[in-house]
Amino acid sequence: MNQTISYYEEHAAEFCKSTLDADMSFCRNKFLKYLNPQSRILDAGCGSGRDSKVFADLGYYVTAMDASPKICEEAGKVLGQKVLCQSFEELDMEKMFDGIWACASLLHVSKEKIPNVLHKLKRALKDEGILYASFKYGDGEAIRQGRYFSNHDEWTLKKLMQDAGFEILELFVTEDVRKGRSGEKWVNVIGKK
């Protein structure tokens, strides 16, 4: 994880710029249909702050969180609010959020550590809270451009979520929405505590 955080520290501005305009409305709308207006959302691994900003603009109470201090600075500029700078492993909250949005962030957690991280996220959710997560489609683990990735497909992600005690509400595959990434796939899950 330290290697991945180092990558984001070095490339924060360019990474945020390259992801800020990615249209995640399809997945966001699927997630939001399970939440009431003005729900509390944790954007876990908020990156550029793109989704946090949309949630806040829609009237949700948003806590944005990322492990990279420089990413937190960049996201704070977009949001106009402080971003919580901590890793998933450091998360220690109980029944605070109606929803947790983990878009393209949990994929940086090793397969060894992900069960504990999911436990922490579940603990941070209120009863019947909703978790959205997305992973690059595939299998195994890889280091790409100095970042660690844990890939999943429908079957491995379903098992991971069920083992963590989540009820799976939706499990679906999408195409990458970023420019120049057509053909790359993501597996997405929405689970309920």
N, C-alpha and C. Protein backbone atom coordinates (compact mmCIF):
# COMPACT_ATOMS: atom_id res chain seq x y z
N MET A 1 0.83 -1.20 0.00
CA MET A 1 0.00 0.00 0.00
C MET A 1 0.86 1.25 0.00
N ASN A 2 2.00 1.23 0.70
CA ASN A 2 2.88 2.40 0.74
C ASN A 2 3.35 2.79 -0.65
N GLN A 3 3.65 1.80 -1.49
CA GLN A 3 4.08 2.06 -2.86
C GLN A 3 2.97 2.75 -3.64
N THR A 4 1.74 2.32 -3.44
CA THR A 4 0.60 2.92 -4.13
C THR A 4 0.39 4.36 -3.66
N ILE A 5 0.47 4.59 -2.36
CA ILE A 5 0.31 5.96 -1.84
C ILE A 5 1.43 6.84 -2.38
N SER A 6 2.64 6.32 -2.46
CA SER A 6 3.76 7.09 -3.02
C SER A 6 3.48 7.50 -4.46
N TYR A 7 2.89 6.57 -5.23
CA TYR A 7 2.53 6.89 -6.62
C TYR A 7 1.57 8.08 -6.64
N TYR A 8 0.52 8.03 -5.81
CA TYR A 8 -0.47 9.11 -5.81
C TYR A 8 0.12 10.41 -5.28
N GLU A 9 1.05 10.33 -4.35
CA GLU A 9 1.72 11.53 -3.86
C GLU A 9 2.48 12.21 -5.00
N GLU A 10 3.12 11.40 -5.82
CA GLU A 10 3.94 11.93 -6.92
C GLU A 10 3.09 12.44 -8.08
N HIS A 11 1.93 11.81 -8.29
CA HIS A 11 1.13 12.11 -9.49
C HIS A 11 -0.25 12.69 -9.14
N ALA A 12 -0.41 13.28 -7.98
CA ALA A 12 -1.74 13.71 -7.50
C ALA A 12 -2.45 14.65 -8.47
N ALA A 13 -1.79 15.72 -8.88
CA ALA A 13 -2.45 16.72 -9.72
C ALA A 13 -2.88 16.13 -11.05
N GLU A 14 -1.98 15.39 -11.72
CA GLU A 14 -2.34 14.83 -13.02
C GLU A 14 -3.40 13.73 -12.89
N PHE A 15 -3.31 12.92 -11.84
CA PHE A 15 -4.32 11.87 -11.64
C PHE A 15 -5.70 12.50 -11.43
N CYS A 16 -5.77 13.50 -10.56
CA CYS A 16 -7.06 14.13 -10.28
C CYS A 16 -7.63 14.80 -11.53
N LYS A 17 -6.77 15.46 -12.28
CA LYS A 17 -7.23 16.11 -13.51
C LYS A 17 -7.77 15.07 -14.50
N SER A 18 -7.12 13.92 -14.58
CA SER A 18 -7.52 12.90 -15.56
C SER A 18 -8.80 12.16 -15.17
N THR A 19 -9.20 12.23 -13.90
CA THR A 19 -10.39 11.49 -13.46
C THR A 19 -11.57 12.39 -13.09
N LEU A 20 -11.32 13.69 -13.00
CA LEU A 20 -12.35 14.62 -12.53
C LEU A 20 -13.60 14.62 -13.40
N ASP A 21 -13.42 14.45 -14.71
CA ASP A 21 -14.57 14.52 -15.62
C ASP A 21 -15.14 13.15 -15.99
N ALA A 22 -14.64 12.10 -15.39
CA ALA A 22 -15.18 10.76 -15.69
C ALA A 22 -16.64 10.70 -15.27
N ASP A 23 -17.50 10.27 -16.16
CA ASP A 23 -18.95 10.26 -15.91
C ASP A 23 -19.35 8.97 -15.18
N MET A 24 -19.46 9.07 -13.86
CA MET A 24 -19.84 7.92 -13.04
C MET A 24 -21.32 7.94 -12.67
N SER A 25 -22.11 8.71 -13.41
CA SER A 25 -23.53 8.88 -13.05
C SER A 25 -24.30 7.57 -13.05
N PHE A 26 -23.98 6.65 -13.96
CA PHE A 26 -24.70 5.38 -14.01
C PHE A 26 -24.57 4.63 -12.68
N CYS A 27 -23.33 4.50 -12.20
CA CYS A 27 -23.09 3.78 -10.94
C CYS A 27 -23.58 4.59 -9.74
N ARG A 28 -23.36 5.91 -9.76
CA ARG A 28 -23.83 6.76 -8.65
C ARG A 28 -25.35 6.66 -8.50
N ASN A 29 -26.06 6.69 -9.61
CA ASN A 29 -27.53 6.62 -9.55
C ASN A 29 -28.01 5.28 -9.00
N LYS A 30 -27.31 4.20 -9.36
CA LYS A 30 -27.66 2.88 -8.81
C LYS A 30 -27.49 2.88 -7.29
N PHE A 31 -26.39 3.47 -6.82
CA PHE A 31 -26.08 3.55 -5.39
C PHE A 31 -27.11 4.44 -4.67
N LEU A 32 -27.36 5.61 -5.21
CA LEU A 32 -28.22 6.59 -4.53
C LEU A 32 -29.67 6.15 -4.42
N LYS A 33 -30.12 5.26 -5.31
CA LYS A 33 -31.53 4.84 -5.22
C LYS A 33 -31.81 4.06 -3.93
N TYR A 34 -30.76 3.60 -3.25
CA TYR A 34 -30.93 2.88 -1.98
C TYR A 34 -30.84 3.80 -0.77
N LEU A 35 -30.55 5.08 -0.98
CA LEU A 35 -30.38 6.02 0.13
C LEU A 35 -31.50 7.05 0.16
N ASN A 36 -31.81 7.53 1.35
CA ASN A 36 -32.78 8.60 1.50
C ASN A 36 -32.10 9.94 1.26
N PRO A 37 -32.88 10.97 0.89
CA PRO A 37 -32.29 12.30 0.75
C PRO A 37 -31.60 12.71 2.06
N GLN A 38 -30.53 13.43 1.92
CA GLN A 38 -29.75 13.95 3.05
C GLN A 38 -29.10 12.86 3.90
N SER A 39 -28.93 11.69 3.33
CA SER A 39 -28.20 10.62 4.01
C SER A 39 -26.74 11.02 4.19
N ARG A 40 -26.06 10.34 5.11
CA ARG A 40 -24.63 10.56 5.35
C ARG A 40 -23.84 9.54 4.51
N ILE A 41 -22.92 10.06 3.70
CA ILE A 41 -22.12 9.21 2.81
C ILE A 41 -20.64 9.38 3.11
N LEU A 42 -19.92 8.25 3.19
CA LEU A 42 -18.47 8.26 3.25
C LEU A 42 -17.96 7.93 1.85
N ASP A 43 -17.20 8.84 1.26
CA ASP A 43 -16.54 8.58 -0.01
C ASP A 43 -15.15 8.05 0.35
N ALA A 44 -15.03 6.74 0.37
CA ALA A 44 -13.84 6.04 0.86
C ALA A 44 -12.85 5.84 -0.28
N GLY A 45 -11.78 6.65 -0.27
CA GLY A 45 -10.85 6.67 -1.38
C GLY A 45 -11.37 7.63 -2.43
N CYS A 46 -11.57 8.87 -2.03
CA CYS A 46 -12.33 9.85 -2.83
C CYS A 46 -11.59 10.34 -4.07
N GLY A 47 -10.28 10.10 -4.16
CA GLY A 47 -9.55 10.57 -5.34
C GLY A 47 -9.75 12.06 -5.55
N SER A 48 -10.11 12.45 -6.75
CA SER A 48 -10.24 13.86 -7.12
C SER A 48 -11.34 14.61 -6.37
N GLY A 49 -12.24 13.89 -5.73
CA GLY A 49 -13.37 14.51 -5.05
C GLY A 49 -14.59 14.65 -5.96
N ARG A 50 -14.48 14.11 -7.16
CA ARG A 50 -15.54 14.19 -8.18
C ARG A 50 -16.89 13.73 -7.64
N ASP A 51 -16.94 12.55 -7.06
CA ASP A 51 -18.22 12.00 -6.62
C ASP A 51 -18.70 12.66 -5.33
N SER A 52 -17.76 12.98 -4.44
CA SER A 52 -18.13 13.70 -3.21
C SER A 52 -18.84 15.01 -3.56
N LYS A 53 -18.31 15.71 -4.56
CA LYS A 53 -18.90 16.99 -4.97
C LYS A 53 -20.32 16.79 -5.46
N VAL A 54 -20.53 15.78 -6.29
CA VAL A 54 -21.88 15.50 -6.79
C VAL A 54 -22.82 15.17 -5.62
N PHE A 55 -22.37 14.30 -4.71
CA PHE A 55 -23.21 13.95 -3.57
C PHE A 55 -23.57 15.19 -2.74
N ALA A 56 -22.58 16.03 -2.47
CA ALA A 56 -22.82 17.24 -1.68
C ALA A 56 -23.77 18.19 -2.40
N ASP A 57 -23.58 18.34 -3.70
CA ASP A 57 -24.46 19.21 -4.49
C ASP A 57 -25.90 18.71 -4.50
N LEU A 58 -26.08 17.40 -4.33
CA LEU A 58 -27.43 16.82 -4.27
C LEU A 58 -28.03 16.86 -2.87
N GLY A 59 -27.29 17.38 -1.90
CA GLY A 59 -27.83 17.56 -0.56
C GLY A 59 -27.47 16.48 0.44
N TYR A 60 -26.58 15.56 0.06
CA TYR A 60 -26.13 14.53 0.99
C TYR A 60 -25.04 15.10 1.89
N TYR A 61 -24.88 14.54 3.07
CA TYR A 61 -23.81 14.94 3.98
C TYR A 61 -22.63 14.02 3.71
N VAL A 62 -21.54 14.60 3.21
CA VAL A 62 -20.43 13.80 2.69
C VAL A 62 -19.18 13.96 3.54
N THR A 63 -18.58 12.82 3.87
CA THR A 63 -17.23 12.79 4.42
C THR A 63 -16.36 12.17 3.34
N ALA A 64 -15.39 12.95 2.85
CA ALA A 64 -14.46 12.45 1.84
C ALA A 64 -13.19 12.01 2.55
N MET A 65 -12.64 10.88 2.09
CA MET A 65 -11.47 10.29 2.74
C MET A 65 -10.53 9.73 1.68
N ASP A 66 -9.23 9.93 1.88
CA ASP A 66 -8.24 9.32 1.01
C ASP A 66 -6.95 9.13 1.81
N ALA A 67 -6.11 8.20 1.36
CA ALA A 67 -4.87 7.91 2.10
C ALA A 67 -3.70 8.78 1.68
N SER A 68 -3.80 9.45 0.54
CA SER A 68 -2.71 10.28 0.04
C SER A 68 -2.92 11.74 0.44
N PRO A 69 -2.01 12.33 1.20
CA PRO A 69 -2.16 13.73 1.59
C PRO A 69 -2.31 14.69 0.41
N LYS A 70 -1.57 14.45 -0.66
CA LYS A 70 -1.67 15.36 -1.83
C LYS A 70 -2.99 15.17 -2.56
N ILE A 71 -3.48 13.95 -2.63
CA ILE A 71 -4.82 13.73 -3.22
C ILE A 71 -5.86 14.44 -2.35
N CYS A 72 -5.71 14.35 -1.04
CA CYS A 72 -6.66 15.04 -0.14
C CYS A 72 -6.66 16.54 -0.39
N GLU A 73 -5.49 17.11 -0.62
CA GLU A 73 -5.39 18.55 -0.93
C GLU A 73 -6.15 18.87 -2.22
N GLU A 74 -5.92 18.06 -3.26
CA GLU A 74 -6.58 18.29 -4.55
C GLU A 74 -8.10 18.15 -4.41
N ALA A 75 -8.54 17.11 -3.72
CA ALA A 75 -9.98 16.89 -3.54
C ALA A 75 -10.59 18.02 -2.71
N GLY A 76 -9.87 18.50 -1.71
CA GLY A 76 -10.35 19.60 -0.88
C GLY A 76 -10.63 20.85 -1.70
N LYS A 77 -9.81 21.10 -2.72
CA LYS A 77 -10.04 22.26 -3.60
C LYS A 77 -11.35 22.10 -4.37
N VAL A 78 -11.62 20.90 -4.84
CA VAL A 78 -12.85 20.63 -5.59
C VAL A 78 -14.08 20.74 -4.68
N LEU A 79 -13.95 20.21 -3.47
CA LEU A 79 -15.09 20.14 -2.54
C LEU A 79 -15.32 21.41 -1.74
N GLY A 80 -14.26 22.16 -1.52
CA GLY A 80 -14.38 23.31 -0.64
C GLY A 80 -14.56 22.89 0.81
N GLN A 81 -14.05 21.72 1.14
CA GLN A 81 -14.10 21.24 2.52
C GLN A 81 -12.89 20.35 2.78
N LYS A 82 -12.57 20.16 4.05
CA LYS A 82 -11.44 19.33 4.45
C LYS A 82 -11.72 17.87 4.11
N VAL A 83 -10.69 17.20 3.66
CA VAL A 83 -10.78 15.78 3.34
C VAL A 83 -10.02 15.00 4.40
N LEU A 84 -10.65 13.97 4.94
CA LEU A 84 -10.05 13.12 5.97
C LEU A 84 -8.91 12.32 5.34
N CYS A 85 -7.70 12.48 5.88
CA CYS A 85 -6.53 11.81 5.31
C CYS A 85 -6.18 10.60 6.17
N GLN A 86 -6.64 9.43 5.72
CA GLN A 86 -6.30 8.18 6.42
C GLN A 86 -6.55 7.01 5.49
N SER A 87 -5.92 5.89 5.82
CA SER A 87 -6.08 4.68 5.02
C SER A 87 -7.30 3.90 5.49
N PHE A 88 -7.68 2.93 4.69
CA PHE A 88 -8.81 2.06 5.08
C PHE A 88 -8.50 1.34 6.39
N GLU A 89 -7.24 0.93 6.54
CA GLU A 89 -6.84 0.19 7.74
C GLU A 89 -6.98 1.04 9.00
N GLU A 90 -6.90 2.36 8.86
CA GLU A 90 -7.00 3.27 10.00
C GLU A 90 -8.44 3.65 10.33
N LEU A 91 -9.37 3.28 9.48
CA LEU A 91 -10.78 3.65 9.69
C LEU A 91 -11.29 3.02 10.98
N ASP A 92 -11.83 3.86 11.86
CA ASP A 92 -12.34 3.37 13.14
C ASP A 92 -13.60 4.16 13.51
N MET A 93 -14.68 3.85 12.81
CA MET A 93 -15.96 4.52 13.05
C MET A 93 -17.04 3.46 13.20
N GLU A 94 -18.07 3.81 13.93
CA GLU A 94 -19.15 2.85 14.15
C GLU A 94 -20.51 3.48 13.88
N LYS A 95 -21.25 2.85 12.97
CA LYS A 95 -22.63 3.23 12.64
C LYS A 95 -22.78 4.73 12.37
N MET A 96 -21.90 5.26 11.52
CA MET A 96 -21.93 6.70 11.21
C MET A 96 -22.56 7.02 9.87
N PHE A 97 -22.54 6.07 8.92
CA PHE A 97 -22.91 6.39 7.55
C PHE A 97 -24.07 5.54 7.05
N ASP A 98 -24.92 6.17 6.25
CA ASP A 98 -26.01 5.45 5.58
C ASP A 98 -25.48 4.74 4.34
N GLY A 99 -24.43 5.31 3.75
CA GLY A 99 -23.84 4.73 2.56
C GLY A 99 -22.34 4.96 2.51
N ILE A 100 -21.63 4.01 1.94
CA ILE A 100 -20.20 4.16 1.69
C ILE A 100 -19.96 3.92 0.21
N TRP A 101 -19.32 4.89 -0.41
CA TRP A 101 -18.99 4.86 -1.84
C TRP A 101 -17.49 4.59 -1.94
N ALA A 102 -17.13 3.42 -2.46
CA ALA A 102 -15.72 3.05 -2.62
C ALA A 102 -15.46 2.75 -4.09
N CYS A 103 -15.43 3.82 -4.86
CA CYS A 103 -15.29 3.72 -6.32
C CYS A 103 -13.82 3.62 -6.70
N ALA A 104 -13.43 2.48 -7.25
CA ALA A 104 -12.07 2.27 -7.73
C ALA A 104 -11.02 2.57 -6.66
N SER A 105 -11.33 2.20 -5.43
CA SER A 105 -10.38 2.46 -4.34
C SER A 105 -10.00 1.19 -3.59
N LEU A 106 -10.95 0.33 -3.29
CA LEU A 106 -10.64 -0.91 -2.57
C LEU A 106 -9.75 -1.84 -3.39
N LEU A 107 -9.65 -1.59 -4.68
CA LEU A 107 -8.80 -2.42 -5.54
C LEU A 107 -7.32 -2.27 -5.20
N HIS A 108 -6.99 -1.26 -4.37
CA HIS A 108 -5.60 -1.10 -3.93
C HIS A 108 -5.31 -1.82 -2.62
N VAL A 109 -6.30 -2.50 -2.07
CA VAL A 109 -6.12 -3.26 -0.82
C VAL A 109 -5.80 -4.71 -1.19
N SER A 110 -4.78 -5.27 -0.56
CA SER A 110 -4.37 -6.64 -0.89
C SER A 110 -5.47 -7.64 -0.54
N LYS A 111 -5.45 -8.76 -1.24
CA LYS A 111 -6.45 -9.81 -0.99
C LYS A 111 -6.34 -10.31 0.45
N GLU A 112 -5.14 -10.23 1.01
CA GLU A 112 -4.92 -10.64 2.39
C GLU A 112 -5.61 -9.68 3.38
N LYS A 113 -5.60 -8.38 3.06
CA LYS A 113 -6.12 -7.38 4.00
C LYS A 113 -7.58 -6.98 3.74
N ILE A 114 -8.12 -7.31 2.58
CA ILE A 114 -9.46 -6.83 2.23
C ILE A 114 -10.55 -7.34 3.19
N PRO A 115 -10.50 -8.57 3.72
CA PRO A 115 -11.56 -8.96 4.65
C PRO A 115 -11.64 -8.04 5.88
N ASN A 116 -10.50 -7.67 6.44
CA ASN A 116 -10.48 -6.78 7.59
C ASN A 116 -10.99 -5.38 7.22
N VAL A 117 -10.62 -4.90 6.04
CA VAL A 117 -11.08 -3.58 5.58
C VAL A 117 -12.59 -3.59 5.39
N LEU A 118 -13.11 -4.64 4.80
CA LEU A 118 -14.58 -4.73 4.63
C LEU A 118 -15.28 -4.76 5.98
N HIS A 119 -14.68 -5.42 6.95
CA HIS A 119 -15.23 -5.44 8.30
C HIS A 119 -15.28 -4.02 8.86
N LYS A 120 -14.22 -3.24 8.67
CA LYS A 120 -14.18 -1.86 9.16
C LYS A 120 -15.24 -1.00 8.45
N LEU A 121 -15.39 -1.18 7.15
CA LEU A 121 -16.40 -0.42 6.41
C LEU A 121 -17.81 -0.80 6.87
N LYS A 122 -18.02 -2.09 7.06
CA LYS A 122 -19.33 -2.55 7.53
C LYS A 122 -19.65 -1.96 8.90
N ARG A 123 -18.66 -1.93 9.77
CA ARG A 123 -18.82 -1.37 11.12
C ARG A 123 -19.17 0.11 11.06
N ALA A 124 -18.61 0.83 10.06
CA ALA A 124 -18.87 2.26 9.92
C ALA A 124 -20.26 2.56 9.37
N LEU A 125 -20.91 1.54 8.80
CA LEU A 125 -22.26 1.71 8.26
C LEU A 125 -23.31 1.58 9.35
N LYS A 126 -24.37 2.37 9.22
CA LYS A 126 -25.53 2.18 10.09
C LYS A 126 -26.19 0.86 9.71
N ASP A 127 -27.10 0.37 10.55
CA ASP A 127 -27.84 -0.85 10.22
C ASP A 127 -28.53 -0.67 8.88
N GLU A 128 -28.43 -1.67 8.04
CA GLU A 128 -28.99 -1.68 6.68
C GLU A 128 -28.34 -0.64 5.77
N GLY A 129 -27.13 -0.19 6.15
CA GLY A 129 -26.39 0.75 5.31
C GLY A 129 -25.94 0.10 4.01
N ILE A 130 -25.59 0.93 3.04
CA ILE A 130 -25.29 0.48 1.68
C ILE A 130 -23.82 0.74 1.35
N LEU A 131 -23.15 -0.27 0.78
CA LEU A 131 -21.78 -0.14 0.31
C LEU A 131 -21.74 -0.35 -1.20
N TYR A 132 -21.11 0.61 -1.89
CA TYR A 132 -20.81 0.43 -3.32
C TYR A 132 -19.29 0.28 -3.45
N ALA A 133 -18.85 -0.67 -4.24
CA ALA A 133 -17.42 -0.84 -4.51
C ALA A 133 -17.23 -1.28 -5.95
N SER A 134 -16.08 -0.90 -6.52
CA SER A 134 -15.77 -1.34 -7.88
C SER A 134 -14.30 -1.74 -7.98
N PHE A 135 -14.06 -2.73 -8.82
CA PHE A 135 -12.73 -3.30 -9.02
C PHE A 135 -12.49 -3.49 -10.51
N LYS A 136 -11.22 -3.42 -10.92
CA LYS A 136 -10.90 -3.77 -12.29
C LYS A 136 -11.27 -5.24 -12.51
N TYR A 137 -11.84 -5.51 -13.68
CA TYR A 137 -12.31 -6.86 -13.98
C TYR A 137 -11.12 -7.76 -14.30
N GLY A 138 -11.08 -8.91 -13.63
CA GLY A 138 -10.03 -9.88 -13.91
C GLY A 138 -9.78 -10.75 -12.71
N ASP A 139 -8.61 -11.34 -12.66
CA ASP A 139 -8.27 -12.16 -11.50
C ASP A 139 -6.84 -11.86 -11.08
N GLY A 140 -6.51 -12.28 -9.89
CA GLY A 140 -5.16 -12.12 -9.40
C GLY A 140 -4.83 -10.71 -8.93
N GLU A 141 -3.54 -10.54 -8.68
CA GLU A 141 -3.02 -9.27 -8.19
C GLU A 141 -1.91 -8.82 -9.13
N ALA A 142 -1.70 -7.49 -9.21
CA ALA A 142 -0.69 -6.97 -10.12
C ALA A 142 -0.18 -5.63 -9.63
N ILE A 143 1.04 -5.31 -10.02
CA ILE A 143 1.59 -3.96 -9.83
C ILE A 143 1.65 -3.35 -11.23
N ARG A 144 0.95 -2.23 -11.39
CA ARG A 144 0.96 -1.52 -12.67
C ARG A 144 1.30 -0.05 -12.42
N GLN A 145 2.31 0.43 -13.13
CA GLN A 145 2.73 1.83 -13.01
C GLN A 145 2.96 2.23 -11.54
N GLY A 146 3.55 1.32 -10.79
CA GLY A 146 3.87 1.63 -9.40
C GLY A 146 2.71 1.53 -8.43
N ARG A 147 1.57 1.01 -8.87
CA ARG A 147 0.40 0.86 -8.00
C ARG A 147 0.00 -0.61 -7.91
N TYR A 148 -0.44 -1.01 -6.72
CA TYR A 148 -0.93 -2.37 -6.49
C TYR A 148 -2.41 -2.43 -6.88
N PHE A 149 -2.79 -3.51 -7.57
CA PHE A 149 -4.19 -3.75 -7.93
C PHE A 149 -4.60 -5.17 -7.56
N SER A 150 -5.77 -5.29 -6.97
CA SER A 150 -6.40 -6.59 -6.71
C SER A 150 -7.63 -6.66 -7.60
N ASN A 151 -7.61 -7.58 -8.56
CA ASN A 151 -8.70 -7.68 -9.54
C ASN A 151 -9.74 -8.70 -9.10
N HIS A 152 -10.96 -8.50 -9.59
CA HIS A 152 -12.05 -9.44 -9.29
C HIS A 152 -12.93 -9.63 -10.51
N ASP A 153 -13.66 -10.73 -10.49
CA ASP A 153 -14.75 -10.93 -11.44
C ASP A 153 -16.02 -11.11 -10.63
N GLU A 154 -17.12 -11.40 -11.30
CA GLU A 154 -18.40 -11.50 -10.59
C GLU A 154 -18.37 -12.53 -9.46
N TRP A 155 -17.71 -13.66 -9.70
CA TRP A 155 -17.75 -14.76 -8.74
C TRP A 155 -16.88 -14.47 -7.52
N THR A 156 -15.67 -13.96 -7.75
CA THR A 156 -14.79 -13.69 -6.61
C THR A 156 -15.31 -12.51 -5.79
N LEU A 157 -15.92 -11.52 -6.45
CA LEU A 157 -16.45 -10.37 -5.72
C LEU A 157 -17.70 -10.77 -4.92
N LYS A 158 -18.52 -11.61 -5.51
CA LYS A 158 -19.71 -12.10 -4.78
C LYS A 158 -19.29 -12.84 -3.52
N LYS A 159 -18.31 -13.72 -3.65
CA LYS A 159 -17.83 -14.49 -2.49
C LYS A 159 -17.23 -13.56 -1.43
N LEU A 160 -16.43 -12.59 -1.87
CA LEU A 160 -15.80 -11.65 -0.95
C LEU A 160 -16.86 -10.90 -0.13
N MET A 161 -17.87 -10.41 -0.80
CA MET A 161 -18.92 -9.64 -0.12
C MET A 161 -19.76 -10.53 0.80
N GLN A 162 -20.09 -11.71 0.35
CA GLN A 162 -20.88 -12.63 1.18
C GLN A 162 -20.08 -13.05 2.41
N ASP A 163 -18.79 -13.33 2.22
CA ASP A 163 -17.94 -13.71 3.36
C ASP A 163 -17.86 -12.58 4.38
N ALA A 164 -17.97 -11.33 3.91
CA ALA A 164 -17.93 -10.16 4.80
C ALA A 164 -19.29 -9.88 5.45
N GLY A 165 -20.31 -10.65 5.07
CA GLY A 165 -21.61 -10.53 5.69
C GLY A 165 -22.54 -9.51 5.04
N PHE A 166 -22.23 -9.10 3.80
CA PHE A 166 -23.11 -8.18 3.09
C PHE A 166 -24.15 -8.96 2.28
N GLU A 167 -25.36 -8.42 2.24
CA GLU A 167 -26.38 -8.92 1.32
C GLU A 167 -26.15 -8.23 -0.01
N ILE A 168 -25.97 -8.99 -1.07
CA ILE A 168 -25.69 -8.39 -2.38
C ILE A 168 -27.02 -7.95 -3.01
N LEU A 169 -27.10 -6.65 -3.29
CA LEU A 169 -28.29 -6.09 -3.93
C LEU A 169 -28.12 -6.04 -5.44
N GLU A 170 -26.93 -5.69 -5.90
CA GLU A 170 -26.65 -5.64 -7.33
C GLU A 170 -25.19 -5.98 -7.56
N LEU A 171 -24.93 -6.68 -8.66
CA LEU A 171 -23.58 -7.02 -9.07
C LEU A 171 -23.57 -6.88 -10.59
N PHE A 172 -22.72 -5.99 -11.13
CA PHE A 172 -22.80 -5.70 -12.56
C PHE A 172 -21.44 -5.28 -13.11
N VAL A 173 -21.28 -5.48 -14.41
CA VAL A 173 -20.03 -5.15 -15.10
C VAL A 173 -20.26 -3.90 -15.95
N THR A 174 -19.28 -2.99 -15.92
CA THR A 174 -19.36 -1.77 -16.72
C THR A 174 -18.07 -1.58 -17.50
N GLU A 175 -18.16 -0.75 -18.54
CA GLU A 175 -16.97 -0.34 -19.30
C GLU A 175 -16.34 0.85 -18.60
N ASP A 176 -15.04 0.99 -18.73
CA ASP A 176 -14.34 2.16 -18.20
C ASP A 176 -14.84 3.41 -18.93
N VAL A 177 -15.18 4.46 -18.18
CA VAL A 177 -15.74 5.68 -18.78
C VAL A 177 -14.68 6.74 -19.09
N ARG A 178 -13.44 6.49 -18.69
CA ARG A 178 -12.39 7.48 -18.95
C ARG A 178 -11.95 7.45 -20.41
N LYS A 179 -11.52 8.60 -20.90
CA LYS A 179 -11.06 8.72 -22.29
C LYS A 179 -9.89 7.79 -22.53
N GLY A 180 -9.93 7.10 -23.67
CA GLY A 180 -8.84 6.22 -24.05
C GLY A 180 -8.85 4.88 -23.33
N ARG A 181 -9.92 4.58 -22.60
CA ARG A 181 -9.97 3.33 -21.82
C ARG A 181 -11.06 2.37 -22.30
N SER A 182 -11.60 2.60 -23.49
CA SER A 182 -12.67 1.71 -23.96
C SER A 182 -12.11 0.29 -24.07
N GLY A 183 -12.93 -0.67 -23.72
CA GLY A 183 -12.51 -2.06 -23.72
C GLY A 183 -12.08 -2.55 -22.35
N GLU A 184 -11.73 -1.61 -21.43
CA GLU A 184 -11.40 -2.00 -20.06
C GLU A 184 -12.71 -2.16 -19.28
N LYS A 185 -12.79 -3.19 -18.47
CA LYS A 185 -14.02 -3.48 -17.74
C LYS A 185 -13.83 -3.36 -16.24
N TRP A 186 -14.93 -3.07 -15.55
CA TRP A 186 -14.98 -2.98 -14.10
C TRP A 186 -16.11 -3.86 -13.59
N VAL A 187 -15.91 -4.48 -12.44
CA VAL A 187 -16.99 -5.21 -11.78
C VAL A 187 -17.40 -4.39 -10.57
N ASN A 188 -18.70 -4.19 -10.44
CA ASN A 188 -19.29 -3.31 -9.43
C ASN A 188 -20.23 -4.10 -8.54
N VAL A 189 -20.29 -3.71 -7.27
CA VAL A 189 -21.21 -4.38 -6.36
C VAL A 189 -21.86 -3.35 -5.45
N ILE A 190 -23.13 -3.59 -5.16
CA ILE A 190 -23.84 -2.82 -4.14
C ILE A 190 -24.33 -3.83 -3.11
N GLY A 191 -23.89 -3.63 -1.87
CA GLY A 191 -24.24 -4.56 -0.81
C GLY A 191 -24.91 -3.84 0.35
N LYS A 192 -25.70 -4.57 1.11
CA LYS A 192 -26.39 -4.01 2.28
C LYS A 192 -25.90 -4.70 3.54
N LYS A 193 -25.66 -3.89 4.58
CA LYS A 193 -25.24 -4.41 5.89
C LYS A 193 -26.38 -5.22 6.50
